[in-house]
Amino acid sequence: MTDICIARSMSVTPRQEAVQCDGCNKWQHRTCNTGISRADYRTAVQSGADLDWLCFQCSLVPCTSTLMEELSY
């Protein structure tokens, strides 16, 4: 993973706890105000469960699949 954290503009490395936005598919460190606890993150990783999460920008947009497909910033 060589993506940039959308909250801090820093690299997100494979060993860091990061989540991918379900709206724009961009990454953010879990600790950068995602609201996801370390326990919830680790439980999801260990079980292979998805974490449903939207970044700040996507959370401001009404959630419709057509709109999300058209969203680009």
Protein backbone atom coordinates (compact mmCIF):
# COMPACT_ATOMS: atom_id res chain seq x y z
CA MET A 1 0.00 0.00 0.00
CA THR A 2 1.55 3.32 -1.02
CA ASP A 3 -1.50 5.48 -0.50
CA ILE A 4 -1.67 8.82 1.26
CA CYS A 5 -3.78 9.42 4.37
CA ILE A 6 -6.53 11.84 3.36
CA ALA A 7 -6.50 13.43 6.84
CA ARG A 8 -2.76 14.01 7.29
CA SER A 9 -1.27 13.78 3.78
CA MET A 10 1.24 11.21 5.05
CA SER A 11 1.99 7.78 3.62
CA VAL A 12 -0.08 4.85 4.80
CA THR A 13 2.12 1.78 5.14
CA PRO A 14 1.00 -1.87 5.32
CA ARG A 15 1.93 -2.12 9.01
CA GLN A 16 -0.19 0.85 10.07
CA GLU A 17 -3.83 0.58 11.02
CA ALA A 18 -5.72 2.22 8.15
CA VAL A 19 -9.22 2.10 6.73
CA GLN A 20 -10.47 2.61 3.21
CA CYS A 21 -13.46 4.86 2.60
CA ASP A 22 -16.44 3.02 1.15
CA GLY A 23 -17.32 6.12 -0.88
CA CYS A 24 -14.10 7.34 -2.54
CA ASN A 25 -11.81 4.33 -1.82
CA LYS A 26 -9.13 6.58 -0.32
CA TRP A 27 -7.21 5.60 2.82
CA GLN A 28 -6.98 7.15 6.27
CA HIS A 29 -5.06 6.12 9.39
CA ARG A 30 -7.45 4.67 11.96
CA THR A 31 -6.12 7.16 14.52
CA CYS A 32 -6.90 10.20 12.32
CA ASN A 33 -10.41 10.79 13.67
CA THR A 34 -12.09 7.80 12.04
CA GLY A 35 -14.07 6.95 15.16
CA ILE A 36 -12.96 3.32 14.90
CA SER A 37 -11.48 1.90 18.09
CA ARG A 38 -8.35 -0.23 18.08
CA ALA A 39 -10.39 -3.15 19.45
CA ASP A 40 -13.00 -2.89 16.67
CA TYR A 41 -10.27 -2.56 14.03
CA ARG A 42 -8.35 -5.60 15.29
CA THR A 43 -11.51 -7.68 15.61
CA ALA A 44 -12.43 -6.90 12.00
CA VAL A 45 -8.93 -7.71 10.74
CA GLN A 46 -8.74 -10.98 12.66
CA SER A 47 -12.18 -12.13 11.54
CA GLY A 48 -11.87 -10.84 7.97
CA ALA A 49 -14.97 -8.67 8.42
CA ASP A 50 -15.46 -5.44 6.52
CA LEU A 51 -15.41 -2.14 8.36
CA ASP A 52 -18.14 0.12 6.98
CA TRP A 53 -16.69 3.62 7.04
CA LEU A 54 -17.00 6.89 5.13
CA CYS A 55 -14.41 9.67 5.23
CA PHE A 56 -15.46 13.18 6.23
CA GLN A 57 -15.98 14.33 2.63
CA CYS A 58 -18.09 11.33 1.64
CA SER A 59 -20.12 11.49 4.82
CA LEU A 60 -21.33 14.96 3.74
CA VAL A 61 -22.73 13.60 0.47
CA PRO A 62 -26.18 11.96 0.40
CA CYS A 63 -25.54 8.24 0.11
CA THR A 64 -26.81 7.07 -3.26
CA SER A 65 -24.88 4.64 -5.40
CA THR A 66 -25.26 6.80 -8.53
CA LEU A 67 -23.94 9.87 -6.77
CA MET A 68 -21.02 7.98 -5.24
CA GLU A 69 -20.03 6.65 -8.66
CA GLU A 70 -20.03 10.17 -10.08
CA LEU A 71 -18.14 11.67 -7.13
CA SER A 72 -14.54 12.54 -7.92
CA TYR A 73 -12.33 14.99 -6.11
